[in-house]
Amino acid sequence: MSSRYDILPAQPPRPVVPKNPSYPQRVHLKERAKLEEILQQWDQRIAEARRKLDVLGQSPDRASYDRMYAQMLGSRDQIAHCVSRMPMETGDLYAEDEHRLHEAVAALERLFQRWK
């Protein structure tokens, strides 16, 4: 039994087009899983902080915890932005995003020290 594809003529292979040498190679694609794991770990820690904030109720310290939680979300957003960009970046742009990622992680670590 033949299918309708059997009657189509074979297509010649497409020629290989060399890449533009000025176009930077994406060398950080394999880091995506590791970066997403970092984001997931911080998401879990921030979710735990949110649960503590919900349990806290209307205590006198609530305003400072609300402020720290908002700062956590800001740092988390910065990490998420870096995680989405870094695998596709090269050169100085990668280095800049990597620096921003490390700064955001350091900020979250400081916030969690104060959170306790």
PDB file of N, CA and C in Angstrom:
ATOM      1  N   MET A   1       0.850  -1.164   0.000  1.00  0.00           N
ATOM      2  CA  MET A   1       0.000   0.000   0.000  1.00  0.00           C
ATOM      3  C   MET A   1       0.899   1.232   0.000  1.00  0.00           C
ATOM      4  N   SER A   2       0.617   2.166  -0.858  1.00  0.00           N
ATOM      5  CA  SER A   2       1.450   3.356  -0.915  1.00  0.00           C
ATOM      6  C   SER A   2       0.695   4.526  -0.298  1.00  0.00           C
ATOM      7  N   SER A   3       1.451   5.450   0.212  1.00  0.00           N
ATOM      8  CA  SER A   3       0.845   6.647   0.780  1.00  0.00           C
ATOM      9  C   SER A   3       1.007   7.784  -0.215  1.00  0.00           C
ATOM     10  N   ARG A   4       0.386   8.859   0.078  1.00  0.00           N
ATOM     11  CA  ARG A   4       0.460   9.988  -0.839  1.00  0.00           C
ATOM     12  C   ARG A   4       1.859  10.591  -0.884  1.00  0.00           C
ATOM     13  N   TYR A   5       2.668  10.273   0.115  1.00  0.00           N
ATOM     14  CA  TYR A   5       4.024  10.810   0.150  1.00  0.00           C
ATOM     15  C   TYR A   5       4.967  10.054  -0.776  1.00  0.00           C
ATOM     16  N   ASP A   6       4.582   8.874  -1.168  1.00  0.00           N
ATOM     17  CA  ASP A   6       5.432   8.091  -2.071  1.00  0.00           C
ATOM     18  C   ASP A   6       5.499   8.707  -3.459  1.00  0.00           C
ATOM     19  N   ILE A   7       4.524   9.476  -3.847  1.00  0.00           N
ATOM     20  CA  ILE A   7       4.500  10.019  -5.196  1.00  0.00           C
ATOM     21  C   ILE A   7       5.198  11.367  -5.305  1.00  0.00           C
ATOM     22  N   LEU A   8       5.541  11.972  -4.162  1.00  0.00           N
ATOM     23  CA  LEU A   8       6.240  13.252  -4.195  1.00  0.00           C
ATOM     24  C   LEU A   8       7.699  13.031  -4.566  1.00  0.00           C
ATOM     25  N   PRO A   9       8.255  13.885  -5.412  1.00  0.00           N
ATOM     26  CA  PRO A   9       9.666  13.727  -5.750  1.00  0.00           C
ATOM     27  C   PRO A   9      10.537  14.059  -4.539  1.00  0.00           C
ATOM     28  N   ALA A  10      11.661  13.405  -4.449  1.00  0.00           N
ATOM     29  CA  ALA A  10      12.589  13.650  -3.350  1.00  0.00           C
ATOM     30  C   ALA A  10      13.143  15.060  -3.472  1.00  0.00           C
ATOM     31  N   GLN A  11      13.192  15.727  -2.349  1.00  0.00           N
ATOM     32  CA  GLN A  11      13.723  17.082  -2.333  1.00  0.00           C
ATOM     33  C   GLN A  11      15.238  17.030  -2.186  1.00  0.00           C
ATOM     34  N   PRO A  12      15.954  17.854  -2.941  1.00  0.00           N
ATOM     35  CA  PRO A  12      17.411  17.870  -2.774  1.00  0.00           C
ATOM     36  C   PRO A  12      17.746  18.447  -1.398  1.00  0.00           C
ATOM     37  N   PRO A  13      18.835  17.990  -0.795  1.00  0.00           N
ATOM     38  CA  PRO A  13      19.202  18.517   0.520  1.00  0.00           C
ATOM     39  C   PRO A  13      19.495  20.017   0.422  1.00  0.00           C
ATOM     40  N   ARG A  14      19.132  20.715   1.476  1.00  0.00           N
ATOM     41  CA  ARG A  14      19.385  22.162   1.518  1.00  0.00           C
ATOM     42  C   ARG A  14      20.866  22.407   1.747  1.00  0.00           C
ATOM     43  N   PRO A  15      21.409  23.387   1.076  1.00  0.00           N
ATOM     44  CA  PRO A  15      22.829  23.668   1.278  1.00  0.00           C
ATOM     45  C   PRO A  15      23.069  24.211   2.694  1.00  0.00           C
ATOM     46  N   VAL A  16      24.198  23.885   3.244  1.00  0.00           N
ATOM     47  CA  VAL A  16      24.563  24.362   4.572  1.00  0.00           C
ATOM     48  C   VAL A  16      25.056  25.790   4.428  1.00  0.00           C
ATOM     49  N   VAL A  17      24.395  26.684   5.149  1.00  0.00           N
ATOM     50  CA  VAL A  17      24.773  28.092   5.107  1.00  0.00           C
ATOM     51  C   VAL A  17      25.713  28.350   6.278  1.00  0.00           C
ATOM     52  N   PRO A  18      26.933  28.789   5.993  1.00  0.00           N
ATOM     53  CA  PRO A  18      27.848  29.043   7.102  1.00  0.00           C
ATOM     54  C   PRO A  18      27.342  30.211   7.945  1.00  0.00           C
ATOM     55  N   LYS A  19      27.587  30.111   9.230  1.00  0.00           N
ATOM     56  CA  LYS A  19      27.165  31.178  10.134  1.00  0.00           C
ATOM     57  C   LYS A  19      28.086  32.376   9.966  1.00  0.00           C
ATOM     58  N   ASN A  20      27.504  33.509  10.226  1.00  0.00           N
ATOM     59  CA  ASN A  20      28.263  34.745  10.178  1.00  0.00           C
ATOM     60  C   ASN A  20      29.310  34.700  11.292  1.00  0.00           C
ATOM     61  N   PRO A  21      30.589  34.863  10.961  1.00  0.00           N
ATOM     62  CA  PRO A  21      31.622  34.779  12.006  1.00  0.00           C
ATOM     63  C   PRO A  21      31.520  35.882  13.051  1.00  0.00           C
ATOM     64  N   SER A  22      30.836  36.962  12.735  1.00  0.00           N
ATOM     65  CA  SER A  22      30.693  38.027  13.727  1.00  0.00           C
ATOM     66  C   SER A  22      29.541  37.750  14.686  1.00  0.00           C
ATOM     67  N   TYR A  23      28.721  36.740  14.394  1.00  0.00           N
ATOM     68  CA  TYR A  23      27.606  36.375  15.261  1.00  0.00           C
ATOM     69  C   TYR A  23      28.145  35.518  16.393  1.00  0.00           C
ATOM     70  N   PRO A  24      27.968  35.942  17.636  1.00  0.00           N
ATOM     71  CA  PRO A  24      28.568  35.193  18.752  1.00  0.00           C
ATOM     72  C   PRO A  24      27.906  33.835  18.971  1.00  0.00           C
ATOM     73  N   GLN A  25      28.705  32.858  19.286  1.00  0.00           N
ATOM     74  CA  GLN A  25      28.208  31.518  19.592  1.00  0.00           C
ATOM     75  C   GLN A  25      27.545  31.522  20.968  1.00  0.00           C
ATOM     76  N   ARG A  26      26.464  30.814  21.096  1.00  0.00           N
ATOM     77  CA  ARG A  26      25.766  30.684  22.377  1.00  0.00           C
ATOM     78  C   ARG A  26      26.404  29.530  23.133  1.00  0.00           C
ATOM     79  N   VAL A  27      27.264  29.862  24.075  1.00  0.00           N
ATOM     80  CA  VAL A  27      28.028  28.827  24.772  1.00  0.00           C
ATOM     81  C   VAL A  27      27.460  28.494  26.150  1.00  0.00           C
ATOM     82  N   HIS A  28      26.411  29.188  26.566  1.00  0.00           N
ATOM     83  CA  HIS A  28      25.883  28.984  27.924  1.00  0.00           C
ATOM     84  C   HIS A  28      24.525  28.284  27.927  1.00  0.00           C
ATOM     85  N   LEU A  29      24.121  27.711  26.830  1.00  0.00           N
ATOM     86  CA  LEU A  29      22.806  27.065  26.751  1.00  0.00           C
ATOM     87  C   LEU A  29      22.662  25.915  27.740  1.00  0.00           C
ATOM     88  N   LYS A  30      23.741  25.214  28.003  1.00  0.00           N
ATOM     89  CA  LYS A  30      23.683  24.058  28.900  1.00  0.00           C
ATOM     90  C   LYS A  30      23.499  24.456  30.365  1.00  0.00           C
ATOM     91  N   GLU A  31      23.648  25.734  30.667  1.00  0.00           N
ATOM     92  CA  GLU A  31      23.506  26.206  32.045  1.00  0.00           C
ATOM     93  C   GLU A  31      22.047  26.441  32.436  1.00  0.00           C
ATOM     94  N   ARG A  32      21.134  26.378  31.488  1.00  0.00           N
ATOM     95  CA  ARG A  32      19.738  26.708  31.751  1.00  0.00           C
ATOM     96  C   ARG A  32      19.158  25.885  32.909  1.00  0.00           C
ATOM     97  N   ALA A  33      19.388  24.591  32.941  1.00  0.00           N
ATOM     98  CA  ALA A  33      18.813  23.745  33.996  1.00  0.00           C
ATOM     99  C   ALA A  33      19.341  24.143  35.372  1.00  0.00           C
ATOM    100  N   LYS A  34      20.624  24.417  35.459  1.00  0.00           N
ATOM    101  CA  LYS A  34      21.225  24.822  36.737  1.00  0.00           C
ATOM    102  C   LYS A  34      20.647  26.162  37.197  1.00  0.00           C
ATOM    103  N   LEU A  35      20.496  27.080  36.274  1.00  0.00           N
ATOM    104  CA  LEU A  35      19.951  28.388  36.621  1.00  0.00           C
ATOM    105  C   LEU A  35      18.495  28.283  37.048  1.00  0.00           C
ATOM    106  N   GLU A  36      17.729  27.471  36.362  1.00  0.00           N
ATOM    107  CA  GLU A  36      16.324  27.287  36.743  1.00  0.00           C
ATOM    108  C   GLU A  36      16.199  26.610  38.102  1.00  0.00           C
ATOM    109  N   GLU A  37      17.150  25.754  38.428  1.00  0.00           N
ATOM    110  CA  GLU A  37      17.150  25.123  39.752  1.00  0.00           C
ATOM    111  C   GLU A  37      17.395  26.161  40.843  1.00  0.00           C
ATOM    112  N   ILE A  38      18.296  27.101  40.587  1.00  0.00           N
ATOM    113  CA  ILE A  38      18.549  28.181  41.551  1.00  0.00           C
ATOM    114  C   ILE A  38      17.270  28.967  41.788  1.00  0.00           C
ATOM    115  N   LEU A  39      16.575  29.311  40.710  1.00  0.00           N
ATOM    116  CA  LEU A  39      15.323  30.061  40.829  1.00  0.00           C
ATOM    117  C   LEU A  39      14.288  29.258  41.605  1.00  0.00           C
ATOM    118  N   GLN A  40      14.178  27.980  41.331  1.00  0.00           N
ATOM    119  CA  GLN A  40      13.200  27.138  42.015  1.00  0.00           C
ATOM    120  C   GLN A  40      13.497  27.057  43.519  1.00  0.00           C
ATOM    121  N   GLN A  41      14.768  26.948  43.879  1.00  0.00           N
ATOM    122  CA  GLN A  41      15.123  26.891  45.299  1.00  0.00           C
ATOM    123  C   GLN A  41      14.706  28.174  46.010  1.00  0.00           C
ATOM    124  N   TRP A  42      14.960  29.322  45.377  1.00  0.00           N
ATOM    125  CA  TRP A  42      14.570  30.583  46.009  1.00  0.00           C
ATOM    126  C   TRP A  42      13.055  30.735  46.035  1.00  0.00           C
ATOM    127  N   ASP A  43      12.365  30.251  45.029  1.00  0.00           N
ATOM    128  CA  ASP A  43      10.904  30.286  45.051  1.00  0.00           C
ATOM    129  C   ASP A  43      10.359  29.519  46.253  1.00  0.00           C
ATOM    130  N   GLN A  44      10.960  28.363  46.538  1.00  0.00           N
ATOM    131  CA  GLN A  44      10.520  27.561  47.674  1.00  0.00           C
ATOM    132  C   GLN A  44      10.774  28.282  48.996  1.00  0.00           C
ATOM    133  N   ARG A  45      11.954  28.884  49.124  1.00  0.00           N
ATOM    134  CA  ARG A  45      12.274  29.596  50.366  1.00  0.00           C
ATOM    135  C   ARG A  45      11.357  30.800  50.563  1.00  0.00           C
ATOM    136  N   ILE A  46      11.067  31.507  49.474  1.00  0.00           N
ATOM    137  CA  ILE A  46      10.186  32.675  49.580  1.00  0.00           C
ATOM    138  C   ILE A  46       8.755  32.230  49.897  1.00  0.00           C
ATOM    139  N   ALA A  47       8.335  31.100  49.365  1.00  0.00           N
ATOM    140  CA  ALA A  47       7.006  30.571  49.694  1.00  0.00           C
ATOM    141  C   ALA A  47       6.915  30.235  51.176  1.00  0.00           C
ATOM    142  N   GLU A  48       7.995  29.697  51.744  1.00  0.00           N
ATOM    143  CA  GLU A  48       8.023  29.424  53.183  1.00  0.00           C
ATOM    144  C   GLU A  48       7.919  30.722  53.975  1.00  0.00           C
ATOM    145  N   ALA A  49       8.602  31.751  53.508  1.00  0.00           N
ATOM    146  CA  ALA A  49       8.526  33.050  54.182  1.00  0.00           C
ATOM    147  C   ALA A  49       7.111  33.602  54.106  1.00  0.00           C
ATOM    148  N   ARG A  50       6.440  33.393  52.988  1.00  0.00           N
ATOM    149  CA  ARG A  50       5.056  33.867  52.841  1.00  0.00           C
ATOM    150  C   ARG A  50       4.141  33.157  53.829  1.00  0.00           C
ATOM    151  N   ARG A  51       4.354  31.865  54.023  1.00  0.00           N
ATOM    152  CA  ARG A  51       3.540  31.130  54.991  1.00  0.00           C
ATOM    153  C   ARG A  51       3.756  31.676  56.401  1.00  0.00           C
ATOM    154  N   LYS A  52       5.010  32.003  56.715  1.00  0.00           N
ATOM    155  CA  LYS A  52       5.285  32.582  58.035  1.00  0.00           C
ATOM    156  C   LYS A  52       4.621  33.945  58.154  1.00  0.00           C
ATOM    157  N   LEU A  53       4.630  34.707  57.089  1.00  0.00           N
ATOM    158  CA  LEU A  53       4.005  36.022  57.103  1.00  0.00           C
ATOM    159  C   LEU A  53       2.487  35.898  57.309  1.00  0.00           C
ATOM    160  N   ASP A  54       1.883  34.882  56.686  1.00  0.00           N
ATOM    161  CA  ASP A  54       0.449  34.662  56.872  1.00  0.00           C
ATOM    162  C   ASP A  54       0.113  34.292  58.312  1.00  0.00           C
ATOM    163  N   VAL A  55       0.997  33.539  58.960  1.00  0.00           N
ATOM    164  CA  VAL A  55       0.780  33.112  60.341  1.00  0.00           C
ATOM    165  C   VAL A  55       1.024  34.273  61.312  1.00  0.00           C
ATOM    166  N   LEU A  56       1.868  35.193  60.923  1.00  0.00           N
ATOM    167  CA  LEU A  56       2.254  36.303  61.792  1.00  0.00           C
ATOM    168  C   LEU A  56       1.057  37.156  62.208  1.00  0.00           C
ATOM    169  N   GLY A  57       0.097  37.303  61.330  1.00  0.00           N
ATOM    170  CA  GLY A  57      -1.085  38.089  61.673  1.00  0.00           C
ATOM    171  C   GLY A  57      -0.772  39.568  61.767  1.00  0.00           C
ATOM    172  N   GLN A  58      -1.405  40.224  62.726  1.00  0.00           N
ATOM    173  CA  GLN A  58      -1.250  41.679  62.885  1.00  0.00           C
ATOM    174  C   GLN A  58      -0.337  42.022  64.063  1.00  0.00           C
ATOM    175  N   SER A  59       0.840  41.456  64.078  1.00  0.00           N
ATOM    176  CA  SER A  59       1.782  41.750  65.162  1.00  0.00           C
ATOM    177  C   SER A  59       2.418  43.122  64.928  1.00  0.00           C
ATOM    178  N   PRO A  60       3.043  43.675  65.954  1.00  0.00           N
ATOM    179  CA  PRO A  60       3.693  44.981  65.810  1.00  0.00           C
ATOM    180  C   PRO A  60       4.854  44.970  64.800  1.00  0.00           C
ATOM    181  N   ASP A  61       5.460  43.808  64.581  1.00  0.00           N
ATOM    182  CA  ASP A  61       6.580  43.706  63.644  1.00  0.00           C
ATOM    183  C   ASP A  61       6.132  43.459  62.204  1.00  0.00           C
ATOM    184  N   ARG A  62       4.838  43.438  61.977  1.00  0.00           N
ATOM    185  CA  ARG A  62       4.301  43.069  60.658  1.00  0.00           C
ATOM    186  C   ARG A  62       4.825  43.979  59.541  1.00  0.00           C
ATOM    187  N   ALA A  63       4.926  45.262  59.787  1.00  0.00           N
ATOM    188  CA  ALA A  63       5.359  46.202  58.738  1.00  0.00           C
ATOM    189  C   ALA A  63       6.776  45.891  58.261  1.00  0.00           C
ATOM    190  N   SER A  64       7.669  45.571  59.194  1.00  0.00           N
ATOM    191  CA  SER A  64       9.046  45.272  58.780  1.00  0.00           C
ATOM    192  C   SER A  64       9.112  43.956  58.008  1.00  0.00           C
ATOM    193  N   TYR A  65       8.290  42.980  58.412  1.00  0.00           N
ATOM    194  CA  TYR A  65       8.252  41.718  57.673  1.00  0.00           C
ATOM    195  C   TYR A  65       7.627  41.896  56.282  1.00  0.00           C
ATOM    196  N   ASP A  66       6.605  42.746  56.194  1.00  0.00           N
ATOM    197  CA  ASP A  66       6.026  43.036  54.879  1.00  0.00           C
ATOM    198  C   ASP A  66       7.056  43.675  53.953  1.00  0.00           C
ATOM    199  N   ARG A  67       7.822  44.594  54.481  1.00  0.00           N
ATOM    200  CA  ARG A  67       8.861  45.266  53.683  1.00  0.00           C
ATOM    201  C   ARG A  67       9.928  44.267  53.237  1.00  0.00           C
ATOM    202  N   MET A  68      10.366  43.407  54.154  1.00  0.00           N
ATOM    203  CA  MET A  68      11.372  42.397  53.779  1.00  0.00           C
ATOM    204  C   MET A  68      10.819  41.438  52.739  1.00  0.00           C
ATOM    205  N   TYR A  69       9.549  41.068  52.868  1.00  0.00           N
ATOM    206  CA  TYR A  69       8.945  40.155  51.905  1.00  0.00           C
ATOM    207  C   TYR A  69       8.877  40.808  50.519  1.00  0.00           C
ATOM    208  N   ALA A  70       8.529  42.075  50.469  1.00  0.00           N
ATOM    209  CA  ALA A  70       8.497  42.796  49.190  1.00  0.00           C
ATOM    210  C   ALA A  70       9.907  42.855  48.574  1.00  0.00           C
ATOM    211  N   GLN A  71      10.911  43.043  49.401  1.00  0.00           N
ATOM    212  CA  GLN A  71      12.288  43.048  48.903  1.00  0.00           C
ATOM    213  C   GLN A  71      12.678  41.663  48.387  1.00  0.00           C
ATOM    214  N   MET A  72      12.208  40.619  49.069  1.00  0.00           N
ATOM    215  CA  MET A  72      12.466  39.256  48.594  1.00  0.00           C
ATOM    216  C   MET A  72      11.880  39.051  47.198  1.00  0.00           C
ATOM    217  N   LEU A  73      10.651  39.527  47.007  1.00  0.00           N
ATOM    218  CA  LEU A  73      10.012  39.378  45.700  1.00  0.00           C
ATOM    219  C   LEU A  73      10.762  40.151  44.620  1.00  0.00           C
ATOM    220  N   GLY A  74      11.283  41.315  44.968  1.00  0.00           N
ATOM    221  CA  GLY A  74      12.069  42.091  44.010  1.00  0.00           C
ATOM    222  C   GLY A  74      13.349  41.376  43.626  1.00  0.00           C
ATOM    223  N   SER A  75      14.037  40.816  44.603  1.00  0.00           N
ATOM    224  CA  SER A  75      15.256  40.055  44.316  1.00  0.00           C
ATOM    225  C   SER A  75      14.935  38.797  43.527  1.00  0.00           C
ATOM    226  N   ARG A  76      13.828  38.164  43.841  1.00  0.00           N
ATOM    227  CA  ARG A  76      13.403  36.965  43.105  1.00  0.00           C
ATOM    228  C   ARG A  76      13.140  37.303  41.637  1.00  0.00           C
ATOM    229  N   ASP A  77      12.498  38.450  41.401  1.00  0.00           N
ATOM    230  CA  ASP A  77      12.241  38.876  40.021  1.00  0.00           C
ATOM    231  C   ASP A  77      13.544  39.148  39.270  1.00  0.00           C
ATOM    232  N   GLN A  78      14.508  39.705  39.969  1.00  0.00           N
ATOM    233  CA  GLN A  78      15.816  39.955  39.343  1.00  0.00           C
ATOM    234  C   GLN A  78      16.487  38.632  38.984  1.00  0.00           C
ATOM    235  N   ILE A  79      16.396  37.641  39.859  1.00  0.00           N
ATOM    236  CA  ILE A  79      16.956  36.316  39.563  1.00  0.00           C
ATOM    237  C   ILE A  79      16.244  35.712  38.356  1.00  0.00           C
ATOM    238  N   ALA A  80      14.922  35.805  38.339  1.00  0.00           N
ATOM    239  CA  ALA A  80      14.155  35.234  37.220  1.00  0.00           C
ATOM    240  C   ALA A  80      14.541  35.894  35.902  1.00  0.00           C
ATOM    241  N   HIS A  81      14.747  37.194  35.918  1.00  0.00           N
ATOM    242  CA  HIS A  81      15.146  37.901  34.702  1.00  0.00           C
ATOM    243  C   HIS A  81      16.521  37.426  34.238  1.00  0.00           C
ATOM    244  N   CYS A  82      17.450  37.296  35.148  1.00  0.00           N
ATOM    245  CA  CYS A  82      18.790  36.817  34.797  1.00  0.00           C
ATOM    246  C   CYS A  82      18.737  35.380  34.282  1.00  0.00           C
ATOM    247  N   VAL A  83      17.947  34.546  34.928  1.00  0.00           N
ATOM    248  CA  VAL A  83      17.831  33.140  34.522  1.00  0.00           C
ATOM    249  C   VAL A  83      17.275  33.037  33.098  1.00  0.00           C
ATOM    250  N   SER A  84      16.351  33.904  32.766  1.00  0.00           N
ATOM    251  CA  SER A  84      15.783  33.842  31.417  1.00  0.00           C
ATOM    252  C   SER A  84      16.747  34.365  30.357  1.00  0.00           C
ATOM    253  N   ARG A  85      17.615  35.279  30.720  1.00  0.00           N
ATOM    254  CA  ARG A  85      18.523  35.891  29.746  1.00  0.00           C
ATOM    255  C   ARG A  85      19.865  35.183  29.604  1.00  0.00           C
ATOM    256  N   MET A  86      20.417  34.716  30.703  1.00  0.00           N
ATOM    257  CA  MET A  86      21.807  34.256  30.715  1.00  0.00           C
ATOM    258  C   MET A  86      22.139  33.149  29.706  1.00  0.00           C
ATOM    259  N   PRO A  87      21.305  32.132  29.528  1.00  0.00           N
ATOM    260  CA  PRO A  87      21.698  31.083  28.574  1.00  0.00           C
ATOM    261  C   PRO A  87      21.905  31.595  27.147  1.00  0.00           C
ATOM    262  N   MET A  88      21.258  32.679  26.788  1.00  0.00           N
ATOM    263  CA  MET A  88      21.360  33.201  25.430  1.00  0.00           C
ATOM    264  C   MET A  88      22.386  34.331  25.291  1.00  0.00           C
ATOM    265  N   GLU A  89      22.930  34.796  26.388  1.00  0.00           N
ATOM    266  CA  GLU A  89      23.862  35.919  26.346  1.00  0.00           C
ATOM    267  C   GLU A  89      25.294  35.457  26.105  1.00  0.00           C
ATOM    268  N   THR A  90      26.106  36.376  25.649  1.00  0.00           N
ATOM    269  CA  THR A  90      27.524  36.110  25.437  1.00  0.00           C
ATOM    270  C   THR A  90      28.325  37.301  25.928  1.00  0.00           C
ATOM    271  N   GLY A  91      29.591  37.072  26.138  1.00  0.00           N
ATOM    272  CA  GLY A  91      30.523  38.152  26.450  1.00  0.00           C
ATOM    273  C   GLY A  91      30.137  38.988  27.648  1.00  0.00           C
ATOM    274  N   ASP A  92      30.213  40.317  27.451  1.00  0.00           N
ATOM    275  CA  ASP A  92      29.960  41.259  28.538  1.00  0.00           C
ATOM    276  C   ASP A  92      28.518  41.210  29.030  1.00  0.00           C
ATOM    277  N   LEU A  93      27.578  40.945  28.143  1.00  0.00           N
ATOM    278  CA  LEU A  93      26.178  40.865  28.569  1.00  0.00           C
ATOM    279  C   LEU A  93      25.962  39.688  29.520  1.00  0.00           C
ATOM    280  N   TYR A  94      26.613  38.574  29.233  1.00  0.00           N
ATOM    281  CA  TYR A  94      26.527  37.426  30.138  1.00  0.00           C
ATOM    282  C   TYR A  94      27.152  37.783  31.486  1.00  0.00           C
ATOM    283  N   ALA A  95      28.318  38.402  31.455  1.00  0.00           N
ATOM    284  CA  ALA A  95      29.009  38.762  32.695  1.00  0.00           C
ATOM    285  C   ALA A  95      28.164  39.729  33.527  1.00  0.00           C
ATOM    286  N   GLU A  96      27.501  40.666  32.860  1.00  0.00           N
ATOM    287  CA  GLU A  96      26.650  41.617  33.572  1.00  0.00           C
ATOM    288  C   GLU A  96      25.463  40.913  34.227  1.00  0.00           C
ATOM    289  N   ASP A  97      24.814  40.023  33.494  1.00  0.00           N
ATOM    290  CA  ASP A  97      23.682  39.283  34.072  1.00  0.00           C
ATOM    291  C   ASP A  97      24.141  38.348  35.184  1.00  0.00           C
ATOM    292  N   GLU A  98      25.306  37.743  35.016  1.00  0.00           N
ATOM    293  CA  GLU A  98      25.829  36.866  36.067  1.00  0.00           C
ATOM    294  C   GLU A  98      26.085  37.666  37.341  1.00  0.00           C
ATOM    295  N   HIS A  99      26.631  38.862  37.192  1.00  0.00           N
ATOM    296  CA  HIS A  99      26.872  39.731  38.350  1.00  0.00           C
ATOM    297  C   HIS A  99      25.543  40.093  39.027  1.00  0.00           C
ATOM    298  N   ARG A 100      24.539  40.437  38.222  1.00  0.00           N
ATOM    299  CA  ARG A 100      23.222  40.766  38.772  1.00  0.00           C
ATOM    300  C   ARG A 100      22.623  39.575  39.497  1.00  0.00           C
ATOM    301  N   LEU A 101      22.803  38.377  38.957  1.00  0.00           N
ATOM    302  CA  LEU A 101      22.301  37.166  39.602  1.00  0.00           C
ATOM    303  C   LEU A 101      22.953  36.976  40.966  1.00  0.00           C
ATOM    304  N   HIS A 102      24.276  37.103  41.022  1.00  0.00           N
ATOM    305  CA  HIS A 102      24.982  36.920  42.292  1.00  0.00           C
ATOM    306  C   HIS A 102      24.570  37.991  43.314  1.00  0.00           C
ATOM    307  N   GLU A 103      24.372  39.209  42.850  1.00  0.00           N
ATOM    308  CA  GLU A 103      23.950  40.273  43.761  1.00  0.00           C
ATOM    309  C   GLU A 103      22.544  40.011  44.300  1.00  0.00           C
ATOM    310  N   ALA A 104      21.654  39.524  43.453  1.00  0.00           N
ATOM    311  CA  ALA A 104      20.291  39.223  43.900  1.00  0.00           C
ATOM    312  C   ALA A 104      20.282  38.076  44.905  1.00  0.00           C
ATOM    313  N   VAL A 105      21.099  37.052  44.655  1.00  0.00           N
ATOM    314  CA  VAL A 105      21.189  35.929  45.596  1.00  0.00           C
ATOM    315  C   VAL A 105      21.762  36.410  46.928  1.00  0.00           C
ATOM    316  N   ALA A 106      22.785  37.255  46.873  1.00  0.00           N
ATOM    317  CA  ALA A 106      23.373  37.785  48.105  1.00  0.00           C
ATOM    318  C   ALA A 106      22.347  38.624  48.875  1.00  0.00           C
ATOM    319  N   ALA A 107      21.555  39.402  48.157  1.00  0.00           N
ATOM    320  CA  ALA A 107      20.518  40.211  48.816  1.00  0.00           C
ATOM    321  C   ALA A 107      19.494  39.309  49.497  1.00  0.00           C
ATOM    322  N   LEU A 108      19.089  38.241  48.832  1.00  0.00           N
ATOM    323  CA  LEU A 108      18.135  37.314  49.452  1.00  0.00           C
ATOM    324  C   LEU A 108      18.733  36.639  50.676  1.00  0.00           C
ATOM    325  N   GLU A 109      19.984  36.271  50.602  1.00  0.00           N
ATOM    326  CA  GLU A 109      20.626  35.647  51.771  1.00  0.00           C
ATOM    327  C   GLU A 109      20.653  36.614  52.946  1.00  0.00           C
ATOM    328  N   ARG A 110      20.955  37.895  52.689  1.00  0.00           N
ATOM    329  CA  ARG A 110      20.935  38.889  53.772  1.00  0.00           C
ATOM    330  C   ARG A 110      19.526  39.065  54.330  1.00  0.00           C
ATOM    331  N   LEU A 111      18.534  39.093  53.454  1.00  0.00           N
ATOM    332  CA  LEU A 111      17.149  39.236  53.913  1.00  0.00           C
ATOM    333  C   LEU A 111      16.723  38.058  54.775  1.00  0.00           C
ATOM    334  N   PHE A 112      17.115  36.857  54.392  1.00  0.00           N
ATOM    335  CA  PHE A 112      16.734  35.676  55.188  1.00  0.00           C
ATOM    336  C   PHE A 112      17.478  35.646  56.516  1.00  0.00           C
ATOM    337  N   GLN A 113      18.642  36.235  56.590  1.00  0.00           N
ATOM    338  CA  GLN A 113      19.327  36.351  57.886  1.00  0.00           C
ATOM    339  C   GLN A 113      18.534  37.257  58.821  1.00  0.00           C
ATOM    340  N   ARG A 114      18.020  38.346  58.290  1.00  0.00           N
ATOM    341  CA  ARG A 114      17.212  39.273  59.091  1.00  0.00           C
ATOM    342  C   ARG A 114      15.828  38.708  59.376  1.00  0.00           C
ATOM    343  N   TRP A 115      15.331  37.853  58.512  1.00  0.00           N
ATOM    344  CA  TRP A 115      13.985  37.313  58.630  1.00  0.00           C
ATOM    345  C   TRP A 115      13.830  36.439  59.869  1.00  0.00           C
ATOM    346  N   LYS A 116      14.879  35.747  60.261  1.00  0.00           N
ATOM    347  CA  LYS A 116      14.819  34.798  61.386  1.00  0.00           C
ATOM    348  C   LYS A 116      14.567  35.440  62.691  1.00  0.00           C
TER     349      LYS A 116
END
